[in-house]
Amino acid sequence: MGPVLGQVERGARLTPGGRRDNHLTSHEHKVFFCDYCLLRFNNEELLNQHQEDCRNHNVQKIKMPTQEEKWLEFSNHKFKLPVPYVIYADLECILEKINSCEQDPKISSTESIAKHVPCGFAYVIVGPDGTMVKPPTVFRGKNAIDQFLQNS
């Protein structure tokens, strides 16, 4: 038998907030948690089969960062991979007004007042030496998205 995880009993049903006597899903059956890897099972037999292999590994432990450790920062720059090419792209749109009916003030809702209609794009590909691989591509007209996908 694995270590006890907090105060959760084998087969206890939990909500995401950790309250007991409820369940994680809409199903009305008990949920069984593996004490080693925290996987969830629908029945105890599946849990027991799983734990035969799982108990060969160390117990999982959740460690939350302290106030001093709460920000992550990448520092192993030697592991970065160079990016040989970069694409800079810009999509232009026209705002078309939307005719809509008046909203019901009793219901919280968002009223759409305009629609973004793509009308053009431009992009340029920059190589590893910082120069453009070819001149910038510019398009203005209908079906801008289709043209962009075909050109790029």
C-alpha atoms as a PDB file:
ATOM      1  CA  MET A   1       0.000   0.000   0.000  1.00  0.00           C
ATOM      2  CA  GLY A   2       1.352   3.422  -0.922  1.00  0.00           C
ATOM      3  CA  PRO A   3       1.613   6.460   1.311  1.00  0.00           C
ATOM      4  CA  VAL A   4      -1.502   8.395   2.263  1.00  0.00           C
ATOM      5  CA  LEU A   5      -2.039  11.488   0.123  1.00  0.00           C
ATOM      6  CA  GLY A   6      -3.126  14.280   2.438  1.00  0.00           C
ATOM      7  CA  GLN A   7      -6.402  13.271   4.050  1.00  0.00           C
ATOM      8  CA  VAL A   8      -7.927  11.641   0.988  1.00  0.00           C
ATOM      9  CA  GLU A   9      -9.057   8.086   1.595  1.00  0.00           C
ATOM     10  CA  ARG A  10      -8.867   5.418  -1.050  1.00  0.00           C
ATOM     11  CA  GLY A  11     -11.973   5.753  -3.154  1.00  0.00           C
ATOM     12  CA  ALA A  12     -12.907   9.179  -1.799  1.00  0.00           C
ATOM     13  CA  ARG A  13     -14.734  11.362  -4.273  1.00  0.00           C
ATOM     14  CA  LEU A  14     -13.378  14.897  -4.719  1.00  0.00           C
ATOM     15  CA  THR A  15     -14.278  18.106  -6.485  1.00  0.00           C
ATOM     16  CA  PRO A  16     -11.541  20.179  -8.142  1.00  0.00           C
ATOM     17  CA  GLY A  17     -11.529  22.333  -4.995  1.00  0.00           C
ATOM     18  CA  GLY A  18     -10.782  19.248  -2.891  1.00  0.00           C
ATOM     19  CA  ARG A  19     -14.156  18.942  -1.122  1.00  0.00           C
ATOM     20  CA  ARG A  20     -15.013  15.380  -0.217  1.00  0.00           C
ATOM     21  CA  ASP A  21     -18.259  13.482  -0.833  1.00  0.00           C
ATOM     22  CA  ASN A  22     -18.604  14.990  -4.300  1.00  0.00           C
ATOM     23  CA  HIS A  23     -17.042  13.914  -7.560  1.00  0.00           C
ATOM     24  CA  LEU A  24     -14.847  15.209 -10.359  1.00  0.00           C
ATOM     25  CA  THR A  25     -17.169  14.159 -13.132  1.00  0.00           C
ATOM     26  CA  SER A  26     -20.897  13.996 -13.674  1.00  0.00           C
ATOM     27  CA  HIS A  27     -20.806  10.224 -13.129  1.00  0.00           C
ATOM     28  CA  GLU A  28     -22.232   8.940  -9.868  1.00  0.00           C
ATOM     29  CA  HIS A  29     -19.542   6.326  -9.150  1.00  0.00           C
ATOM     30  CA  LYS A  30     -16.564   6.503  -6.808  1.00  0.00           C
ATOM     31  CA  VAL A  31     -13.203   7.666  -8.093  1.00  0.00           C
ATOM     32  CA  PHE A  32     -10.011   5.864  -7.036  1.00  0.00           C
ATOM     33  CA  PHE A  33      -6.656   7.676  -7.006  1.00  0.00           C
ATOM     34  CA  CYS A  34      -3.234   6.069  -7.322  1.00  0.00           C
ATOM     35  CA  ASP A  35      -1.125   7.141  -4.340  1.00  0.00           C
ATOM     36  CA  TYR A  36       2.027   6.982  -6.461  1.00  0.00           C
ATOM     37  CA  CYS A  37       1.186   8.942  -9.628  1.00  0.00           C
ATOM     38  CA  LEU A  38      -2.196  10.542  -8.782  1.00  0.00           C
ATOM     39  CA  LEU A  39      -3.954   8.970 -11.781  1.00  0.00           C
ATOM     40  CA  ARG A  40      -7.700   8.533 -11.397  1.00  0.00           C
ATOM     41  CA  PHE A  41      -9.574   5.249 -11.959  1.00  0.00           C
ATOM     42  CA  ASN A  42     -13.249   4.320 -12.115  1.00  0.00           C
ATOM     43  CA  ASN A  43     -12.919   1.133 -10.098  1.00  0.00           C
ATOM     44  CA  GLU A  44     -10.637  -0.366  -7.494  1.00  0.00           C
ATOM     45  CA  GLU A  45      -9.671  -3.369  -9.638  1.00  0.00           C
ATOM     46  CA  LEU A  46      -8.169  -1.107 -12.325  1.00  0.00           C
ATOM     47  CA  LEU A  47      -6.371   0.849  -9.617  1.00  0.00           C
ATOM     48  CA  ASN A  48      -4.870  -2.343  -8.149  1.00  0.00           C
ATOM     49  CA  GLN A  49      -3.709  -3.548 -11.577  1.00  0.00           C
ATOM     50  CA  HIS A  50      -2.135  -0.178 -12.258  1.00  0.00           C
ATOM     51  CA  GLN A  51      -0.368  -0.016  -8.885  1.00  0.00           C
ATOM     52  CA  GLU A  52       1.452  -3.321  -9.483  1.00  0.00           C
ATOM     53  CA  ASP A  53       3.700  -1.487 -11.952  1.00  0.00           C
ATOM     54  CA  CYS A  54       3.381   2.015 -10.584  1.00  0.00           C
ATOM     55  CA  ARG A  55       4.630   1.233  -7.075  1.00  0.00           C
ATOM     56  CA  ASN A  56       8.084   0.546  -8.559  1.00  0.00           C
ATOM     57  CA  HIS A  57       8.460   4.324  -8.971  1.00  0.00           C
ATOM     58  CA  ASN A  58       8.825   7.046  -6.382  1.00  0.00           C
ATOM     59  CA  VAL A  59       5.764   8.788  -4.980  1.00  0.00           C
ATOM     60  CA  GLN A  60       4.639  12.003  -6.707  1.00  0.00           C
ATOM     61  CA  LYS A  61       4.948  15.179  -4.699  1.00  0.00           C
ATOM     62  CA  ILE A  62       3.553  18.586  -5.573  1.00  0.00           C
ATOM     63  CA  LYS A  63       5.842  21.422  -4.540  1.00  0.00           C
ATOM     64  CA  MET A  64       4.523  24.938  -4.980  1.00  0.00           C
ATOM     65  CA  PRO A  65       7.058  27.746  -5.457  1.00  0.00           C
ATOM     66  CA  THR A  66       7.735  30.218  -2.676  1.00  0.00           C
ATOM     67  CA  GLN A  67       7.237  33.980  -3.117  1.00  0.00           C
ATOM     68  CA  GLU A  68      10.930  34.279  -4.052  1.00  0.00           C
ATOM     69  CA  GLU A  69      10.733  31.399  -6.571  1.00  0.00           C
ATOM     70  CA  LYS A  70       7.435  32.333  -8.238  1.00  0.00           C
ATOM     71  CA  TRP A  71       8.967  33.809 -11.434  1.00  0.00           C
ATOM     72  CA  LEU A  72      10.659  31.567 -13.979  1.00  0.00           C
ATOM     73  CA  GLU A  73      13.407  32.868 -16.195  1.00  0.00           C
ATOM     74  CA  PHE A  74      15.268  31.109 -18.985  1.00  0.00           C
ATOM     75  CA  SER A  75      18.981  31.184 -18.208  1.00  0.00           C
ATOM     76  CA  ASN A  76      20.585  28.282 -20.111  1.00  0.00           C
ATOM     77  CA  HIS A  77      21.232  30.212 -23.306  1.00  0.00           C
ATOM     78  CA  LYS A  78      23.698  27.556 -24.456  1.00  0.00           C
ATOM     79  CA  PHE A  79      20.690  25.273 -25.108  1.00  0.00           C
ATOM     80  CA  LYS A  80      18.898  27.724 -27.421  1.00  0.00           C
ATOM     81  CA  LEU A  81      18.593  26.633 -31.026  1.00  0.00           C
ATOM     82  CA  PRO A  82      19.380  29.153 -33.732  1.00  0.00           C
ATOM     83  CA  VAL A  83      16.476  30.127 -35.975  1.00  0.00           C
ATOM     84  CA  PRO A  84      17.795  30.341 -39.521  1.00  0.00           C
ATOM     85  CA  TYR A  85      14.854  32.277 -40.992  1.00  0.00           C
ATOM     86  CA  VAL A  86      12.311  34.727 -39.579  1.00  0.00           C
ATOM     87  CA  ILE A  87       9.051  35.774 -41.260  1.00  0.00           C
ATOM     88  CA  TYR A  88       7.600  39.176 -40.463  1.00  0.00           C
ATOM     89  CA  ALA A  89       3.982  39.445 -41.612  1.00  0.00           C
ATOM     90  CA  ASP A  90       1.213  42.037 -41.326  1.00  0.00           C
ATOM     91  CA  LEU A  91      -2.475  41.550 -42.128  1.00  0.00           C
ATOM     92  CA  GLU A  92      -4.665  44.561 -42.838  1.00  0.00           C
ATOM     93  CA  CYS A  93      -8.431  44.632 -42.275  1.00  0.00           C
ATOM     94  CA  ILE A  94     -11.323  46.965 -42.982  1.00  0.00           C
ATOM     95  CA  LEU A  95     -13.923  47.414 -40.250  1.00  0.00           C
ATOM     96  CA  GLU A  96     -17.415  46.886 -41.631  1.00  0.00           C
ATOM     97  CA  LYS A  97     -20.278  48.123 -39.497  1.00  0.00           C
ATOM     98  CA  ILE A  98     -22.715  45.430 -38.348  1.00  0.00           C
ATOM     99  CA  ASN A  99     -26.424  46.158 -38.214  1.00  0.00           C
ATOM    100  CA  SER A 100     -27.692  44.488 -35.092  1.00  0.00           C
ATOM    101  CA  CYS A 101     -30.789  44.574 -32.973  1.00  0.00           C
ATOM    102  CA  GLU A 102     -30.894  46.315 -29.608  1.00  0.00           C
ATOM    103  CA  GLN A 103     -29.557  44.261 -26.696  1.00  0.00           C
ATOM    104  CA  ASP A 104     -31.701  43.211 -23.741  1.00  0.00           C
ATOM    105  CA  PRO A 105     -30.423  45.239 -20.732  1.00  0.00           C
ATOM    106  CA  LYS A 106     -31.547  42.462 -18.347  1.00  0.00           C
ATOM    107  CA  ILE A 107     -29.048  40.051 -19.871  1.00  0.00           C
ATOM    108  CA  SER A 108     -25.306  40.628 -19.743  1.00  0.00           C
ATOM    109  CA  SER A 109     -24.077  40.503 -23.328  1.00  0.00           C
ATOM    110  CA  THR A 110     -21.533  41.883 -25.736  1.00  0.00           C
ATOM    111  CA  GLU A 111     -22.790  43.830 -28.707  1.00  0.00           C
ATOM    112  CA  SER A 112     -20.885  43.362 -31.957  1.00  0.00           C
ATOM    113  CA  ILE A 113     -20.641  46.679 -33.773  1.00  0.00           C
ATOM    114  CA  ALA A 114     -18.079  45.905 -36.499  1.00  0.00           C
ATOM    115  CA  LYS A 115     -16.548  42.997 -38.392  1.00  0.00           C
ATOM    116  CA  HIS A 116     -12.871  42.742 -39.419  1.00  0.00           C
ATOM    117  CA  VAL A 117     -12.679  41.972 -43.152  1.00  0.00           C
ATOM    118  CA  PRO A 118      -9.147  41.132 -44.376  1.00  0.00           C
ATOM    119  CA  CYS A 119      -8.171  43.332 -47.312  1.00  0.00           C
ATOM    120  CA  GLY A 120      -4.426  42.917 -47.659  1.00  0.00           C
ATOM    121  CA  PHE A 121      -1.137  41.655 -46.279  1.00  0.00           C
ATOM    122  CA  ALA A 122       2.599  42.068 -46.511  1.00  0.00           C
ATOM    123  CA  TYR A 123       5.411  39.779 -45.446  1.00  0.00           C
ATOM    124  CA  VAL A 124       9.145  39.476 -45.732  1.00  0.00           C
ATOM    125  CA  ILE A 125      11.485  36.537 -45.053  1.00  0.00           C
ATOM    126  CA  VAL A 126      14.777  37.397 -43.339  1.00  0.00           C
ATOM    127  CA  GLY A 127      17.689  34.968 -43.530  1.00  0.00           C
ATOM    128  CA  PRO A 128      20.287  34.021 -40.907  1.00  0.00           C
ATOM    129  CA  ASP A 129      22.576  36.874 -41.943  1.00  0.00           C
ATOM    130  CA  GLY A 130      19.827  39.483 -41.401  1.00  0.00           C
ATOM    131  CA  THR A 131      19.150  40.210 -45.063  1.00  0.00           C
ATOM    132  CA  MET A 132      15.894  39.679 -46.940  1.00  0.00           C
ATOM    133  CA  VAL A 133      15.760  36.377 -48.811  1.00  0.00           C
ATOM    134  CA  LYS A 134      13.543  38.026 -51.460  1.00  0.00           C
ATOM    135  CA  PRO A 135      11.794  41.397 -51.733  1.00  0.00           C
ATOM    136  CA  PRO A 136       8.748  41.939 -49.502  1.00  0.00           C
ATOM    137  CA  THR A 137       5.481  40.451 -50.788  1.00  0.00           C
ATOM    138  CA  VAL A 138       2.507  42.813 -50.737  1.00  0.00           C
ATOM    139  CA  PHE A 139      -1.118  42.073 -51.671  1.00  0.00           C
ATOM    140  CA  ARG A 140      -4.242  44.248 -51.627  1.00  0.00           C
ATOM    141  CA  GLY A 141      -7.653  42.955 -52.677  1.00  0.00           C
ATOM    142  CA  LYS A 142     -10.379  40.422 -52.071  1.00  0.00           C
ATOM    143  CA  ASN A 143      -9.639  36.987 -50.591  1.00  0.00           C
ATOM    144  CA  ALA A 144      -6.545  38.272 -48.793  1.00  0.00           C
ATOM    145  CA  ILE A 145      -6.431  35.274 -46.462  1.00  0.00           C
ATOM    146  CA  ASP A 146      -6.568  32.781 -49.351  1.00  0.00           C
ATOM    147  CA  GLN A 147      -3.855  34.694 -51.200  1.00  0.00           C
ATOM    148  CA  PHE A 148      -1.671  34.813 -48.084  1.00  0.00           C
ATOM    149  CA  LEU A 149      -1.972  31.050 -47.547  1.00  0.00           C
ATOM    150  CA  GLN A 150      -1.183  30.352 -51.210  1.00  0.00           C
ATOM    151  CA  ASN A 151       1.795  32.751 -51.330  1.00  0.00           C
ATOM    152  CA  SER A 152       3.446  31.831 -48.064  1.00  0.00           C
END
